[in-house]
């Protein structure tokens, strides 16, 4: 049974909804139904949301598999915490009018570290 991964899935699910609402409100305000023609703010919001959707499910899936394999909870929390921190940092960094490279770098580093932890835990628990 999963105990750790669902916590991070719920927190990240809430962040996903917030990012979705930001895109929806921006589209409504600007009356743009599709795409982001000549609107850099909307384009940033769309990319932040899309990047979240590209990385988060896979990272959570890896952590869930690791948890099901019996990975130590402390490592699952480290992976989940890095993923949450990474996604928040990326969203804040890329959302700014002049991209905050530090936020973007921290975001991708946190997310990719969580994926690496998930992969490592799966391999480690599979061979032990």
Protein backbone atom coordinates (compact mmCIF):
# COMPACT_ATOMS: atom_id res chain seq x y z
CA UNK A 1 0.00 0.00 0.00
CA UNK A 2 1.22 3.49 -0.82
CA UNK A 3 1.58 6.01 2.01
CA UNK A 4 4.21 8.53 0.93
CA UNK A 5 3.68 9.06 -2.81
CA UNK A 6 -0.04 9.96 -2.50
CA UNK A 7 0.88 12.89 -0.25
CA UNK A 8 3.11 14.39 -2.93
CA UNK A 9 0.63 13.50 -5.66
CA UNK A 10 -2.05 15.46 -3.78
CA UNK A 11 0.18 18.49 -3.20
CA UNK A 12 1.36 18.46 -6.80
CA UNK A 13 -2.23 17.97 -7.96
CA UNK A 14 -3.15 21.17 -6.14
CA UNK A 15 -0.26 22.99 -7.82
CA UNK A 16 -1.40 21.62 -11.20
CA UNK A 17 -4.88 23.05 -10.60
CA UNK A 18 -3.43 26.44 -9.66
CA UNK A 19 -1.33 26.50 -12.82
CA UNK A 20 -4.38 25.47 -14.87
CA UNK A 21 -6.50 28.24 -13.38
CA UNK A 22 -3.77 30.78 -14.17
CA UNK A 23 -3.91 29.77 -17.84
CA UNK A 24 -7.73 29.78 -17.93
CA UNK A 25 -8.03 33.20 -16.31
CA UNK A 26 -5.41 34.65 -18.64
CA UNK A 27 -7.20 33.22 -21.68
CA UNK A 28 -10.54 34.63 -20.52
CA UNK A 29 -9.10 38.07 -19.76
CA UNK A 30 -7.39 38.26 -23.15
CA UNK A 31 -10.20 36.45 -25.01
CA UNK A 32 -7.76 33.95 -26.49
CA UNK A 33 -9.25 30.50 -26.94
CA UNK A 34 -6.22 28.68 -28.33
CA UNK A 35 -2.51 29.32 -28.60
CA UNK A 36 -0.81 32.45 -27.35
CA UNK A 37 -0.57 34.81 -30.34
CA UNK A 38 1.81 37.63 -29.50
CA UNK A 39 1.17 37.30 -25.76
CA UNK A 40 4.33 36.46 -23.86
CA UNK A 41 2.61 36.30 -20.45
CA UNK A 42 0.06 33.76 -21.65
CA UNK A 43 2.77 31.80 -23.45
CA UNK A 44 4.77 31.61 -20.21
CA UNK A 45 1.73 30.40 -18.28
CA UNK A 46 0.98 27.77 -20.90
CA UNK A 47 4.60 26.53 -20.90
CA UNK A 48 4.80 26.40 -17.09
CA UNK A 49 1.60 24.34 -17.05
CA UNK A 50 2.73 22.09 -19.90
CA UNK A 51 6.19 21.53 -18.44
CA UNK A 52 4.58 20.53 -15.15
CA UNK A 53 2.36 18.06 -17.03
CA UNK A 54 5.38 16.66 -18.88
CA UNK A 55 7.55 15.92 -15.84
CA UNK A 56 5.35 15.42 -12.79
CA UNK A 57 3.34 12.29 -13.71
CA UNK A 58 6.44 10.33 -14.70
CA UNK A 59 8.34 11.30 -11.56
CA UNK A 60 5.36 10.37 -9.36
CA UNK A 61 5.00 7.05 -11.17
CA UNK A 62 8.63 6.21 -10.49
CA UNK A 63 8.27 7.14 -6.81
CA UNK A 64 5.10 5.04 -6.56
CA UNK A 65 6.84 2.02 -8.09
CA UNK A 66 9.75 2.50 -5.69
CA UNK A 67 7.35 2.70 -2.76
CA UNK A 68 5.53 -0.43 -3.87
CA UNK A 69 8.93 -2.16 -4.04
CA UNK A 70 9.53 -1.25 -0.40
CA UNK A 71 11.89 1.71 -0.77
CA UNK A 72 12.78 3.47 2.50
CA UNK A 73 10.24 6.21 3.27
CA UNK A 74 12.96 8.78 3.96
CA UNK A 75 14.19 8.46 0.36
CA UNK A 76 10.65 8.69 -0.97
CA UNK A 77 10.17 11.91 1.02
CA UNK A 78 13.44 13.27 -0.30
CA UNK A 79 12.37 12.48 -3.87
CA UNK A 80 8.86 13.83 -3.35
CA UNK A 81 10.18 16.94 -1.62
CA UNK A 82 12.65 17.62 -4.42
CA UNK A 83 9.90 17.17 -6.99
CA UNK A 84 7.58 19.56 -5.17
CA UNK A 85 10.36 22.10 -4.63
CA UNK A 86 11.46 21.73 -8.25
CA UNK A 87 8.01 22.23 -9.70
CA UNK A 88 7.36 25.28 -7.49
CA UNK A 89 10.75 26.80 -8.34
CA UNK A 90 10.28 26.19 -12.06
CA UNK A 91 6.78 27.69 -12.03
CA UNK A 92 7.93 30.81 -10.21
CA UNK A 93 11.11 31.20 -12.27
CA UNK A 94 9.54 30.81 -15.70
CA UNK A 95 6.43 32.83 -14.81
CA UNK A 96 8.39 36.05 -14.37
CA UNK A 97 8.50 38.45 -17.34
CA UNK A 98 12.28 38.17 -17.54
CA UNK A 99 12.86 34.49 -16.93
CA UNK A 100 14.51 33.85 -13.59
CA UNK A 101 17.24 31.44 -14.66
CA UNK A 102 17.92 30.48 -11.04
CA UNK A 103 14.29 29.39 -10.52
CA UNK A 104 14.29 27.57 -13.80
CA UNK A 105 17.58 25.78 -13.07
CA UNK A 106 16.57 24.89 -9.51
CA UNK A 107 13.22 23.68 -10.84
CA UNK A 108 14.66 21.37 -13.43
CA UNK A 109 17.39 20.17 -11.07
CA UNK A 110 14.82 19.31 -8.39
CA UNK A 111 12.53 17.55 -10.86
CA UNK A 112 15.31 15.59 -12.54
CA UNK A 113 16.81 14.67 -9.16
CA UNK A 114 13.44 13.25 -8.10
CA UNK A 115 13.35 11.16 -11.29
CA UNK A 116 16.90 9.93 -10.66
CA UNK A 117 16.00 9.03 -7.06
CA UNK A 118 12.94 7.14 -8.28
CA UNK A 119 14.96 5.22 -10.86
CA UNK A 120 17.71 4.45 -8.35
CA UNK A 121 15.24 3.26 -5.72
CA UNK A 122 13.47 1.00 -8.20
CA UNK A 123 16.72 -0.59 -9.33
CA UNK A 124 18.01 -0.90 -5.75
CA UNK A 125 14.79 -2.47 -4.40
CA UNK A 126 14.53 -4.77 -7.42
CA UNK A 127 17.94 -6.33 -6.93
CA UNK A 128 17.87 -6.58 -3.12
